[in-house]
Amino acid sequence: MTTVVEDIKIVSGIDALYFFMESNESYEELFLELLDQRQDCIDRFTRNGVDYKSEDITVEINGCALFALGRATGGGFYWFKDINGFFRIGFKDRNKNKSLHNIQVQLYAQAIYTIGIKSVLEYLDNILAAYTTGVKTVTRADLNAFVACDFAYLSKQMFVTRKKIFRERDTVGSKNSISTLYIGQK
């Protein structure tokens, strides 16, 4: 029996979206304010002799509470997540690692499937409007497709990438069929 493409039911989406938000001349003010709030929170715990973890440290931007995730040494970003687990956002010193934008964002599947990409982007724009230009540069999207079809005919040559080298990272399936094909880095 031959399967006709029109007969295949497909449910697809984006599981995660990564992008940079271009900062404006007011960004330095935001970054220093975030560092001050972070340090005030740490000082409060220390003064009261309370043990704390990174996620116990909170900061606020335009009424949006963010919980600290820590500081990445490679890119120099201070990472935070929102209370709903919709996104994580990194802020870096604009004078360090000048080859990267100052604000990096990852939208989680929970946000994408609950309120939608458009809504969460509008929310981020509202929070950061005074500190960004509105330009967003997408750097990565984790895509999915749930289909009832045999993908044994797929190969990595069917996918387009700007990378010079990439590899078929993993394949899940049986001897005669493929159910999942991972291409790229993990």
N, C-alpha and C. Protein backbone atom coordinates (compact mmCIF):
# COMPACT_ATOMS: atom_id res chain seq x y z
N MET A 1 0.84 -1.19 0.00
CA MET A 1 0.00 0.00 0.00
C MET A 1 0.88 1.25 0.00
N THR A 2 0.63 2.17 -0.87
CA THR A 2 1.38 3.41 -0.97
C THR A 2 0.66 4.49 -0.19
N THR A 3 1.44 5.23 0.60
CA THR A 3 0.88 6.34 1.38
C THR A 3 0.96 7.61 0.56
N VAL A 4 -0.14 8.29 0.43
CA VAL A 4 -0.19 9.57 -0.28
C VAL A 4 0.01 10.67 0.75
N VAL A 5 0.86 11.65 0.42
CA VAL A 5 1.20 12.71 1.36
C VAL A 5 -0.05 13.40 1.92
N GLU A 6 -1.08 13.59 1.12
CA GLU A 6 -2.28 14.27 1.60
C GLU A 6 -3.01 13.45 2.67
N ASP A 7 -2.77 12.14 2.73
CA ASP A 7 -3.43 11.28 3.70
C ASP A 7 -2.74 11.28 5.06
N ILE A 8 -1.53 11.81 5.13
CA ILE A 8 -0.75 11.77 6.36
C ILE A 8 -1.20 12.89 7.29
N LYS A 9 -1.51 12.53 8.52
CA LYS A 9 -1.86 13.53 9.53
C LYS A 9 -0.57 14.01 10.20
N ILE A 10 -0.39 15.32 10.25
CA ILE A 10 0.83 15.90 10.82
C ILE A 10 0.46 16.90 11.89
N VAL A 11 1.09 16.77 13.03
CA VAL A 11 1.00 17.77 14.09
C VAL A 11 2.43 18.22 14.34
N SER A 12 2.71 19.50 14.13
CA SER A 12 4.09 19.97 14.29
C SER A 12 4.11 21.25 15.09
N GLY A 13 5.31 21.61 15.50
CA GLY A 13 5.44 22.84 16.26
C GLY A 13 6.88 23.14 16.60
N ILE A 14 7.03 24.15 17.42
CA ILE A 14 8.35 24.57 17.89
C ILE A 14 8.40 24.24 19.38
N ASP A 15 9.41 23.48 19.78
CA ASP A 15 9.58 23.13 21.19
C ASP A 15 10.37 24.18 21.96
N ALA A 16 11.27 24.87 21.29
CA ALA A 16 12.06 25.92 21.94
C ALA A 16 12.50 26.90 20.86
N LEU A 17 12.57 28.17 21.23
CA LEU A 17 13.02 29.21 20.31
C LEU A 17 14.07 30.05 21.02
N TYR A 18 15.21 30.22 20.39
CA TYR A 18 16.32 30.97 20.96
C TYR A 18 16.56 32.20 20.10
N PHE A 19 16.75 33.35 20.75
CA PHE A 19 17.01 34.56 19.98
C PHE A 19 17.69 35.60 20.84
N PHE A 20 18.29 36.59 20.17
CA PHE A 20 18.87 37.75 20.84
C PHE A 20 17.93 38.93 20.64
N MET A 21 17.84 39.78 21.64
CA MET A 21 17.10 41.04 21.52
C MET A 21 18.15 42.15 21.49
N GLU A 22 18.07 42.99 20.47
CA GLU A 22 19.05 44.07 20.33
C GLU A 22 18.79 45.13 21.38
N SER A 23 19.82 45.48 22.15
CA SER A 23 19.67 46.47 23.22
C SER A 23 19.89 47.88 22.67
N ASN A 24 19.38 48.87 23.40
CA ASN A 24 19.59 50.26 23.02
C ASN A 24 20.50 50.95 24.03
N GLU A 25 20.61 52.26 23.95
CA GLU A 25 21.52 53.02 24.82
C GLU A 25 21.11 52.98 26.29
N SER A 26 19.87 52.62 26.62
CA SER A 26 19.41 52.55 28.02
C SER A 26 19.73 51.20 28.67
N TYR A 27 20.27 50.27 27.91
CA TYR A 27 20.53 48.92 28.44
C TYR A 27 21.45 48.93 29.65
N GLU A 28 22.48 49.76 29.62
CA GLU A 28 23.46 49.81 30.72
C GLU A 28 22.76 50.09 32.05
N GLU A 29 21.78 50.98 32.02
CA GLU A 29 21.00 51.31 33.22
C GLU A 29 20.26 50.07 33.73
N LEU A 30 19.65 49.32 32.84
CA LEU A 30 18.96 48.09 33.22
C LEU A 30 19.92 47.08 33.80
N PHE A 31 21.04 46.87 33.15
CA PHE A 31 22.01 45.87 33.61
C PHE A 31 22.51 46.20 35.01
N LEU A 32 22.86 47.45 35.24
CA LEU A 32 23.36 47.85 36.57
C LEU A 32 22.27 47.72 37.63
N GLU A 33 21.03 48.04 37.27
CA GLU A 33 19.91 47.88 38.20
C GLU A 33 19.70 46.41 38.56
N LEU A 34 19.81 45.53 37.57
CA LEU A 34 19.67 44.08 37.84
C LEU A 34 20.77 43.59 38.77
N LEU A 35 21.99 44.05 38.54
CA LEU A 35 23.10 43.66 39.42
C LEU A 35 22.88 44.17 40.84
N ASP A 36 22.38 45.40 40.96
CA ASP A 36 22.08 45.96 42.30
C ASP A 36 21.00 45.15 43.00
N GLN A 37 19.91 44.84 42.30
CA GLN A 37 18.83 44.04 42.89
C GLN A 37 19.34 42.67 43.31
N ARG A 38 20.13 42.06 42.46
CA ARG A 38 20.69 40.74 42.75
C ARG A 38 21.55 40.80 44.01
N GLN A 39 22.43 41.80 44.08
CA GLN A 39 23.31 41.94 45.24
C GLN A 39 22.52 42.25 46.51
N ASP A 40 21.50 43.10 46.42
CA ASP A 40 20.66 43.40 47.59
C ASP A 40 20.01 42.13 48.14
N CYS A 41 19.55 41.27 47.25
CA CYS A 41 18.92 40.01 47.65
C CYS A 41 19.94 39.11 48.35
N ILE A 42 21.13 39.01 47.78
CA ILE A 42 22.20 38.21 48.39
C ILE A 42 22.57 38.76 49.75
N ASP A 43 22.70 40.10 49.85
CA ASP A 43 23.05 40.74 51.12
C ASP A 43 21.99 40.47 52.19
N ARG A 44 20.72 40.49 51.81
CA ARG A 44 19.63 40.22 52.74
C ARG A 44 19.74 38.81 53.31
N PHE A 45 20.00 37.83 52.46
CA PHE A 45 20.17 36.45 52.93
C PHE A 45 21.37 36.34 53.86
N THR A 46 22.48 36.96 53.47
CA THR A 46 23.71 36.90 54.25
C THR A 46 23.54 37.57 55.61
N ARG A 47 22.93 38.75 55.61
CA ARG A 47 22.70 39.51 56.84
C ARG A 47 21.85 38.72 57.85
N ASN A 48 20.90 37.96 57.32
CA ASN A 48 20.00 37.18 58.19
C ASN A 48 20.50 35.76 58.44
N GLY A 49 21.69 35.44 57.91
CA GLY A 49 22.28 34.12 58.13
C GLY A 49 21.49 32.98 57.48
N VAL A 50 20.84 33.29 56.37
CA VAL A 50 19.99 32.31 55.68
C VAL A 50 20.76 31.71 54.50
N ASP A 51 20.77 30.38 54.43
CA ASP A 51 21.35 29.72 53.26
C ASP A 51 20.42 29.94 52.07
N TYR A 52 20.99 30.09 50.90
CA TYR A 52 20.18 30.33 49.70
C TYR A 52 20.81 29.65 48.50
N LYS A 53 19.98 29.44 47.51
CA LYS A 53 20.42 28.91 46.22
C LYS A 53 20.23 30.01 45.19
N SER A 54 20.77 29.81 44.00
CA SER A 54 20.62 30.80 42.93
C SER A 54 19.16 31.17 42.70
N GLU A 55 18.28 30.15 42.63
CA GLU A 55 16.87 30.41 42.31
C GLU A 55 16.12 31.17 43.41
N ASP A 56 16.74 31.32 44.59
CA ASP A 56 16.13 32.11 45.67
C ASP A 56 16.33 33.61 45.44
N ILE A 57 17.24 33.96 44.57
CA ILE A 57 17.53 35.36 44.27
C ILE A 57 16.55 35.84 43.20
N THR A 58 15.87 36.94 43.49
CA THR A 58 14.90 37.48 42.54
C THR A 58 15.24 38.93 42.18
N VAL A 59 14.87 39.28 40.95
CA VAL A 59 14.97 40.66 40.48
C VAL A 59 13.65 40.99 39.80
N GLU A 60 13.44 42.26 39.55
CA GLU A 60 12.19 42.68 38.91
C GLU A 60 12.48 43.69 37.80
N ILE A 61 11.82 43.47 36.68
CA ILE A 61 11.89 44.42 35.56
C ILE A 61 10.46 44.78 35.18
N ASN A 62 10.10 46.04 35.33
CA ASN A 62 8.76 46.52 34.97
C ASN A 62 7.64 45.62 35.49
N GLY A 63 7.73 45.21 36.75
CA GLY A 63 6.69 44.41 37.37
C GLY A 63 6.79 42.92 37.11
N CYS A 64 7.76 42.49 36.36
CA CYS A 64 7.96 41.05 36.07
C CYS A 64 9.06 40.52 36.98
N ALA A 65 8.69 39.60 37.88
CA ALA A 65 9.67 38.97 38.78
C ALA A 65 10.42 37.89 38.02
N LEU A 66 11.72 37.89 38.18
CA LEU A 66 12.58 36.89 37.55
C LEU A 66 13.44 36.23 38.62
N PHE A 67 13.59 34.92 38.50
CA PHE A 67 14.38 34.14 39.44
C PHE A 67 15.74 33.83 38.83
N ALA A 68 16.80 34.03 39.61
CA ALA A 68 18.15 33.82 39.11
C ALA A 68 18.40 32.35 38.83
N LEU A 69 19.12 32.10 37.74
CA LEU A 69 19.55 30.74 37.40
C LEU A 69 21.06 30.60 37.55
N GLY A 70 21.75 31.72 37.70
CA GLY A 70 23.20 31.70 37.83
C GLY A 70 23.86 32.51 36.75
N ARG A 71 25.17 32.46 36.76
CA ARG A 71 25.96 33.22 35.80
C ARG A 71 26.77 32.26 34.94
N ALA A 72 26.65 32.42 33.64
CA ALA A 72 27.41 31.59 32.71
C ALA A 72 28.78 32.22 32.51
N THR A 73 29.81 31.44 32.69
CA THR A 73 31.16 31.97 32.57
C THR A 73 31.58 32.22 31.12
N GLY A 74 31.15 31.35 30.21
CA GLY A 74 31.56 31.47 28.80
C GLY A 74 31.14 32.76 28.15
N GLY A 75 29.85 33.06 28.18
CA GLY A 75 29.34 34.26 27.52
C GLY A 75 29.21 35.44 28.46
N GLY A 76 29.35 35.20 29.77
CA GLY A 76 29.25 36.27 30.75
C GLY A 76 27.83 36.71 31.05
N PHE A 77 26.85 35.88 30.73
CA PHE A 77 25.45 36.23 30.96
C PHE A 77 25.01 35.88 32.37
N TYR A 78 24.19 36.75 32.95
CA TYR A 78 23.46 36.45 34.18
C TYR A 78 22.09 35.96 33.72
N TRP A 79 21.75 34.72 34.09
CA TRP A 79 20.52 34.09 33.59
C TRP A 79 19.41 34.13 34.63
N PHE A 80 18.18 34.37 34.13
CA PHE A 80 16.99 34.43 34.97
C PHE A 80 15.86 33.71 34.25
N LYS A 81 14.85 33.27 35.02
CA LYS A 81 13.65 32.69 34.42
C LYS A 81 12.43 33.35 35.05
N ASP A 82 11.34 33.34 34.32
CA ASP A 82 10.11 33.93 34.83
C ASP A 82 9.40 32.92 35.73
N ILE A 83 8.46 33.40 36.52
CA ILE A 83 7.76 32.58 37.50
C ILE A 83 6.95 31.45 36.86
N ASN A 84 6.47 31.65 35.64
CA ASN A 84 5.65 30.65 34.96
C ASN A 84 6.48 29.59 34.24
N GLY A 85 7.77 29.80 34.13
CA GLY A 85 8.61 28.88 33.38
C GLY A 85 8.40 28.99 31.88
N PHE A 86 8.00 30.18 31.42
CA PHE A 86 7.76 30.40 30.00
C PHE A 86 9.06 30.71 29.23
N PHE A 87 10.02 31.36 29.90
CA PHE A 87 11.25 31.73 29.22
C PHE A 87 12.39 31.86 30.22
N ARG A 88 13.59 31.83 29.66
CA ARG A 88 14.77 32.22 30.43
C ARG A 88 15.44 33.31 29.63
N ILE A 89 16.08 34.21 30.36
CA ILE A 89 16.65 35.38 29.71
C ILE A 89 18.00 35.69 30.34
N GLY A 90 18.97 35.99 29.48
CA GLY A 90 20.31 36.30 29.94
C GLY A 90 20.66 37.74 29.64
N PHE A 91 21.30 38.39 30.61
CA PHE A 91 21.77 39.77 30.46
C PHE A 91 23.28 39.77 30.68
N LYS A 92 24.01 40.47 29.81
CA LYS A 92 25.47 40.51 29.96
C LYS A 92 25.98 41.94 30.00
N ASP A 93 27.14 42.08 30.56
CA ASP A 93 27.83 43.36 30.58
C ASP A 93 28.16 43.72 29.15
N ARG A 94 27.70 44.87 28.70
CA ARG A 94 27.91 45.25 27.29
C ARG A 94 29.38 45.46 26.95
N ASN A 95 30.23 45.60 27.96
CA ASN A 95 31.65 45.78 27.71
C ASN A 95 32.42 44.46 27.65
N LYS A 96 31.75 43.36 27.93
CA LYS A 96 32.39 42.05 27.87
C LYS A 96 31.82 41.26 26.70
N ASN A 97 32.65 40.44 26.11
CA ASN A 97 32.24 39.59 24.99
C ASN A 97 31.42 40.40 23.97
N LYS A 98 32.06 41.37 23.39
CA LYS A 98 31.39 42.32 22.50
C LYS A 98 30.88 41.69 21.20
N SER A 99 31.23 40.43 20.96
CA SER A 99 30.76 39.78 19.74
C SER A 99 29.33 39.25 19.87
N LEU A 100 28.75 39.35 21.06
CA LEU A 100 27.38 38.89 21.29
C LEU A 100 26.46 40.05 21.66
N HIS A 101 25.19 39.91 21.33
CA HIS A 101 24.20 40.88 21.80
C HIS A 101 24.09 40.78 23.32
N ASN A 102 23.52 41.79 23.95
CA ASN A 102 23.46 41.86 25.41
C ASN A 102 22.33 41.07 26.03
N ILE A 103 21.27 40.79 25.28
CA ILE A 103 20.11 40.10 25.84
C ILE A 103 19.86 38.84 25.00
N GLN A 104 19.88 37.71 25.67
CA GLN A 104 19.64 36.43 25.00
C GLN A 104 18.42 35.78 25.65
N VAL A 105 17.52 35.22 24.83
CA VAL A 105 16.26 34.66 25.33
C VAL A 105 16.06 33.25 24.80
N GLN A 106 15.50 32.40 25.64
CA GLN A 106 15.02 31.09 25.20
C GLN A 106 13.57 30.96 25.63
N LEU A 107 12.69 30.75 24.66
CA LEU A 107 11.29 30.47 24.97
C LEU A 107 11.14 28.97 25.14
N TYR A 108 10.49 28.58 26.23
CA TYR A 108 10.26 27.16 26.50
C TYR A 108 8.97 26.69 25.85
N ALA A 109 8.87 25.39 25.63
CA ALA A 109 7.67 24.79 25.02
C ALA A 109 6.42 25.13 25.82
N GLN A 110 6.54 25.21 27.14
CA GLN A 110 5.38 25.53 27.98
C GLN A 110 4.75 26.85 27.56
N ALA A 111 5.57 27.84 27.24
CA ALA A 111 5.04 29.14 26.79
C ALA A 111 4.48 29.04 25.39
N ILE A 112 5.23 28.38 24.53
CA ILE A 112 4.85 28.29 23.12
C ILE A 112 3.50 27.59 22.97
N TYR A 113 3.30 26.50 23.71
CA TYR A 113 2.07 25.72 23.57
C TYR A 113 0.93 26.23 24.45
N THR A 114 1.25 27.00 25.49
CA THR A 114 0.21 27.50 26.38
C THR A 114 -0.37 28.83 25.90
N ILE A 115 0.50 29.82 25.69
CA ILE A 115 0.00 31.14 25.29
C ILE A 115 0.43 31.55 23.89
N GLY A 116 1.35 30.81 23.29
CA GLY A 116 1.76 31.09 21.92
C GLY A 116 2.97 32.00 21.83
N ILE A 117 3.72 31.82 20.76
CA ILE A 117 4.94 32.61 20.55
C ILE A 117 4.63 34.10 20.48
N LYS A 118 3.60 34.46 19.73
CA LYS A 118 3.27 35.88 19.56
C LYS A 118 2.98 36.55 20.91
N SER A 119 2.22 35.88 21.75
CA SER A 119 1.88 36.46 23.06
C SER A 119 3.08 36.62 23.97
N VAL A 120 3.95 35.61 24.02
CA VAL A 120 5.11 35.71 24.90
C VAL A 120 6.11 36.74 24.36
N LEU A 121 6.20 36.89 23.03
CA LEU A 121 7.07 37.93 22.47
C LEU A 121 6.54 39.32 22.80
N GLU A 122 5.22 39.50 22.72
CA GLU A 122 4.61 40.79 23.10
C GLU A 122 4.87 41.09 24.58
N TYR A 123 4.77 40.05 25.41
CA TYR A 123 5.03 40.20 26.85
C TYR A 123 6.47 40.65 27.09
N LEU A 124 7.43 39.99 26.44
CA LEU A 124 8.83 40.38 26.57
C LEU A 124 9.08 41.79 26.04
N ASP A 125 8.45 42.12 24.92
CA ASP A 125 8.58 43.48 24.37
C ASP A 125 8.08 44.52 25.36
N ASN A 126 6.96 44.24 26.03
CA ASN A 126 6.41 45.18 27.01
C ASN A 126 7.33 45.35 28.20
N ILE A 127 7.93 44.27 28.65
CA ILE A 127 8.82 44.33 29.81
C ILE A 127 10.10 45.10 29.46
N LEU A 128 10.63 44.86 28.27
CA LEU A 128 11.95 45.38 27.92
C LEU A 128 11.91 46.54 26.91
N ALA A 129 10.74 47.11 26.65
CA ALA A 129 10.59 48.14 25.62
C ALA A 129 11.57 49.30 25.79
N ALA A 130 11.84 49.71 27.01
CA ALA A 130 12.71 50.86 27.24
C ALA A 130 14.18 50.54 27.01
N TYR A 131 14.51 49.26 26.86
CA TYR A 131 15.92 48.85 26.79
C TYR A 131 16.31 48.14 25.50
N THR A 132 15.36 47.97 24.59
CA THR A 132 15.65 47.26 23.35
C THR A 132 15.18 48.08 22.14
N THR A 133 15.68 47.69 20.98
CA THR A 133 15.29 48.36 19.74
C THR A 133 14.08 47.69 19.08
N GLY A 134 13.72 46.50 19.57
CA GLY A 134 12.64 45.74 18.96
C GLY A 134 13.13 44.70 17.98
N VAL A 135 14.42 44.75 17.63
CA VAL A 135 15.00 43.78 16.70
C VAL A 135 15.32 42.50 17.46
N LYS A 136 14.87 41.38 16.89
CA LYS A 136 15.15 40.07 17.47
C LYS A 136 15.84 39.23 16.40
N THR A 137 16.94 38.61 16.77
CA THR A 137 17.69 37.76 15.86
C THR A 137 17.57 36.32 16.33
N VAL A 138 16.85 35.52 15.57
CA VAL A 138 16.65 34.12 15.94
C VAL A 138 17.96 33.36 15.67
N THR A 139 18.39 32.59 16.67
CA THR A 139 19.62 31.82 16.54
C THR A 139 19.38 30.32 16.47
N ARG A 140 18.23 29.88 16.97
CA ARG A 140 17.95 28.44 16.96
C ARG A 140 16.46 28.22 17.22
N ALA A 141 15.94 27.18 16.57
CA ALA A 141 14.56 26.75 16.83
C ALA A 141 14.58 25.23 16.89
N ASP A 142 14.07 24.68 17.97
CA ASP A 142 13.92 23.23 18.08
C ASP A 142 12.54 22.88 17.57
N LEU A 143 12.48 22.17 16.46
CA LEU A 143 11.22 21.87 15.79
C LEU A 143 10.84 20.41 16.04
N ASN A 144 9.53 20.15 15.94
CA ASN A 144 9.06 18.77 16.04
C ASN A 144 7.99 18.55 15.00
N ALA A 145 7.79 17.31 14.67
CA ALA A 145 6.69 16.91 13.79
C ALA A 145 6.25 15.52 14.22
N PHE A 146 5.00 15.39 14.58
CA PHE A 146 4.45 14.10 14.95
C PHE A 146 3.60 13.62 13.79
N VAL A 147 4.06 12.57 13.13
CA VAL A 147 3.36 12.05 11.97
C VAL A 147 3.31 10.53 12.05
N ALA A 148 2.32 9.97 11.44
CA ALA A 148 2.20 8.52 11.36
C ALA A 148 2.69 8.10 9.98
N CYS A 149 4.00 7.96 9.86
CA CYS A 149 4.59 7.66 8.56
C CYS A 149 5.96 7.02 8.80
N ASP A 150 6.38 6.18 7.89
CA ASP A 150 7.71 5.57 7.95
C ASP A 150 8.71 6.54 7.34
N PHE A 151 9.70 6.93 8.11
CA PHE A 151 10.71 7.87 7.64
C PHE A 151 12.01 7.20 7.23
N ALA A 152 11.95 5.95 6.89
CA ALA A 152 13.15 5.21 6.53
C ALA A 152 13.87 5.85 5.34
N TYR A 153 13.16 6.58 4.52
CA TYR A 153 13.76 7.20 3.33
C TYR A 153 14.54 8.47 3.67
N LEU A 154 14.41 9.02 4.90
CA LEU A 154 15.09 10.25 5.26
C LEU A 154 16.59 10.05 5.41
N SER A 155 17.33 11.08 5.06
CA SER A 155 18.76 11.10 5.29
C SER A 155 19.17 12.52 5.64
N LYS A 156 20.34 12.66 6.22
CA LYS A 156 20.79 13.99 6.61
C LYS A 156 21.01 14.91 5.40
N GLN A 157 21.19 14.36 4.22
CA GLN A 157 21.38 15.18 3.03
C GLN A 157 20.12 15.93 2.63
N MET A 158 18.98 15.55 3.19
CA MET A 158 17.72 16.21 2.88
C MET A 158 17.51 17.49 3.70
N PHE A 159 18.41 17.77 4.64
CA PHE A 159 18.26 18.92 5.51
C PHE A 159 19.29 19.98 5.14
N VAL A 160 18.88 21.24 5.21
CA VAL A 160 19.73 22.35 4.84
C VAL A 160 20.22 23.03 6.11
N THR A 161 21.50 23.33 6.13
CA THR A 161 22.08 24.04 7.27
C THR A 161 23.18 24.97 6.77
N ARG A 162 23.47 25.98 7.55
CA ARG A 162 24.58 26.88 7.21
C ARG A 162 25.90 26.33 7.75
N LYS A 163 25.82 25.32 8.61
CA LYS A 163 27.02 24.73 9.19
C LYS A 163 27.79 23.96 8.12
N LYS A 164 29.10 24.03 8.16
CA LYS A 164 29.91 23.28 7.20
C LYS A 164 29.88 21.80 7.54
N ILE A 165 29.83 21.51 8.84
CA ILE A 165 29.84 20.12 9.28
C ILE A 165 28.70 19.91 10.27
N PHE A 166 27.89 18.90 10.02
CA PHE A 166 26.90 18.48 11.00
C PHE A 166 26.73 16.99 10.84
N ARG A 167 26.11 16.37 11.83
CA ARG A 167 26.03 14.92 11.77
C ARG A 167 24.66 14.43 12.19
N GLU A 168 24.36 13.23 11.76
CA GLU A 168 23.17 12.55 12.24
C GLU A 168 23.52 12.09 13.64
N ARG A 169 22.91 12.71 14.64
CA ARG A 169 23.29 12.49 16.02
C ARG A 169 22.71 11.20 16.58
N ASP A 170 21.48 10.89 16.22
CA ASP A 170 20.85 9.71 16.78
C ASP A 170 19.64 9.34 15.93
N THR A 171 19.33 8.08 15.90
CA THR A 171 18.16 7.60 15.20
C THR A 171 17.44 6.62 16.11
N VAL A 172 16.13 6.76 16.19
CA VAL A 172 15.33 5.85 17.00
C VAL A 172 14.35 5.15 16.08
N GLY A 173 14.23 3.86 16.20
CA GLY A 173 13.30 3.12 15.37
C GLY A 173 13.58 1.64 15.45
N SER A 174 13.06 0.92 14.50
CA SER A 174 13.28 -0.52 14.46
C SER A 174 14.16 -0.85 13.26
N LYS A 175 14.35 -2.12 13.03
CA LYS A 175 15.19 -2.58 11.93
C LYS A 175 14.69 -2.05 10.58
N ASN A 176 13.38 -1.92 10.45
CA ASN A 176 12.79 -1.56 9.16
C ASN A 176 12.22 -0.15 9.07
N SER A 177 12.20 0.60 10.17
CA SER A 177 11.61 1.94 10.11
C SER A 177 12.28 2.88 11.10
N ILE A 178 12.15 4.18 10.84
CA ILE A 178 12.71 5.22 11.71
C ILE A 178 11.54 6.00 12.31
N SER A 179 11.54 6.16 13.62
CA SER A 179 10.49 6.97 14.24
C SER A 179 11.01 8.34 14.64
N THR A 180 12.32 8.46 14.95
CA THR A 180 12.90 9.74 15.35
C THR A 180 14.28 9.87 14.74
N LEU A 181 14.57 11.04 14.18
CA LEU A 181 15.88 11.31 13.58
C LEU A 181 16.38 12.61 14.17
N TYR A 182 17.51 12.57 14.87
CA TYR A 182 18.13 13.76 15.44
C TYR A 182 19.29 14.15 14.56
N ILE A 183 19.31 15.41 14.12
CA ILE A 183 20.41 15.91 13.32
C ILE A 183 20.93 17.17 13.99
N GLY A 184 22.23 17.26 14.14
CA GLY A 184 22.84 18.44 14.74
C GLY A 184 23.43 18.13 16.09
N GLN A 185 23.83 19.18 16.80
CA GLN A 185 24.47 19.02 18.10
C GLN A 185 23.44 18.96 19.21
N LYS A 186 23.85 18.37 20.29
CA LYS A 186 23.01 18.36 21.48
C LYS A 186 23.58 19.31 22.48
